[in-house]
Amino acid sequence: MGFEIDNTDFTEEDFNRFSDRLRSNLKALDILLARPEFGEGDLSFGAELELYIVDNEARPLPINQEIIAQLNDPQLTLELNRYNLEYNFRPYLLKDCCFSATQQEALAAIEKINKCAKQWDGSVVPIGILPTLQQSDTGYHAMTPLARFKALTQELTDIRGGPFTIAIEGEETLQLAMDDVTLEGANTSFQVHLRVPAREYADFYNAIQLVTPLVVAMAANSPTLFGHRLWQETRIPLFKQSIDCRPNDSLHPVPARVNFGNNWIREGAFELFAEAALLYRPILPDYSDEDSVAIAQNGGTPLLHELRLHQGSIWLWNRPVYDPSNGGHLRIELRSFPAGPTIIDMLANAALAVGLAKLIQPTIRELLPAIPFAYCTANFYRAAQKGLSAELFWPSMKQSQPEYYAVPKILEKMIPRVPEKLVEMGFIEEDFLPLLKVIEERLHTRQTGAQWQLNKLEELRKGLHKREALTAMLKLYQKNSAANIPVAQWL
């Protein structure tokens, strides 16, 4: 969804042409993937960080366009709501201390944005859902006035044919109906991009899917919405429901556009791209004149504009990415981890996810019969709901029936074996070991960002009304986050 478009009024002919181009893109991708050398090269790590902009009272501050205009930084982009920004970090080779390089860039970027926002008495904060957000902060008035956001909202609303229903049950319950999709913008995340060789894609992607629930439980940082205590990672159900345009028809089920996936993949990345093209209706039919098949047949690297744009309108929590740069390559975009609490915590989550997946990859094919995909999906939502208190079904070649284990127990067995796997991939030991220490400390204290927020909120409620307590909690959060202190050490 980072592509900008000029048109917002599409005809049926536009949709037909876009669909034709999409099918041609699939044929071209199939040709590319058949090349033995496609996607080969040093592995790289990249990331995107979504941020809230807040004022001195920790309330949303709608000045993203003003900041963008003044900084003129191509790595800084607009988000759906006017109080959100996204910073796109440079990709780094694993061997170039990618985690340290990203951390330095992130801290410098936040300092630069804060310096700019200060003239409006503003600052940015990385947090999954802003605790001080109110329902009055959502709606069309909150939307960034860009053509692609207008078109997205219009098309999803037309498909839905009625309000978007939000129903989340946690310690408290939240139920409401929205006429637009701006609640999607309430979710901010730290998205990780990892380049993966085409020949390893299926096994590594499946391994990422299997371990994602473990990392979601460890990374949880979104326990409230509009003052309601909900899931440990409330972003997960909120994002899905806020743009769920499916009609309420149980006899004709349609997969959600926000989705953990529909099955394990068996051969490679092509399955995921084909599934996206064949199961999900296009919503932004902005097409190009590129003859992608001819370019691929002649040994070139097509842009595959339609396929990439379409992928951006399907929000898999682990999303396949095709990048045409430098002869083309494939990435996995890990989208389920929240923004915050700190830069070092976010990078620790990334290192854990990649390391666990590499640990599982050699045996993933043997493990798949022991865990139907529906079980993995259930693990994902259970981890988002319960965090480190979740019990997940974990597969074993020795099992005779499904068995459930507490998240900490699973991680305690796996984490000691992660360093050797990261080294095997090409990561530098002194670059990732401090991050694994952050993970081990968080596991020991059981203090995630979500748990710290809930504990602090309970403490502050003894002397303050809920709204005042939420504000006071967020100000303490901002102070700790700005200092880049791992959340396990927060008091």
Foldseek 3Di string as FASTA:
>chain_A
DQDADDDQDDDPVLLVVLLVLLVLLLLLVVLQLPDPCFADDFKKKWKKWKKFKAAPLLEGDQCLVVLCVVVVDPQKADDFFSRMIMGTDDIDGQQVLRLVVRQVVVLVVQVVSQVSCVVVRMHIAFFFAQLLDAPVCDDPVGTDPGSVSVNLFVQLLVLLVAWQWDWFAAVHIDTDTHSTLRLLVRGIAMKMKIFDFFQLALLLVLLLLQCVLLLCLLQQGDQDDNLDGGASNVNLRSNQRSRFSHYPDPVDDADGLEEQDDFRDDGGDSVQLVCLSPRDRARDSDDDPDSSNVQSVVPHQDQSVSSQVSQVSRHHQWGWDWGRPPNIGIITMRRSHGTDLASLQNSLSVLVSSLSSLVCSVCRVVFDVQAGVVLSRVSNVQSRGHRQQGWGFDTDPPDPHTDTDGSLVVCVVRLVVRQVSSVVSNHDNVSNPVSSVLSVLCSVLVFHNSNLLVVQLVVQVVPDDSSVSSSVSVVLSRVCRSVRDRRSPRD
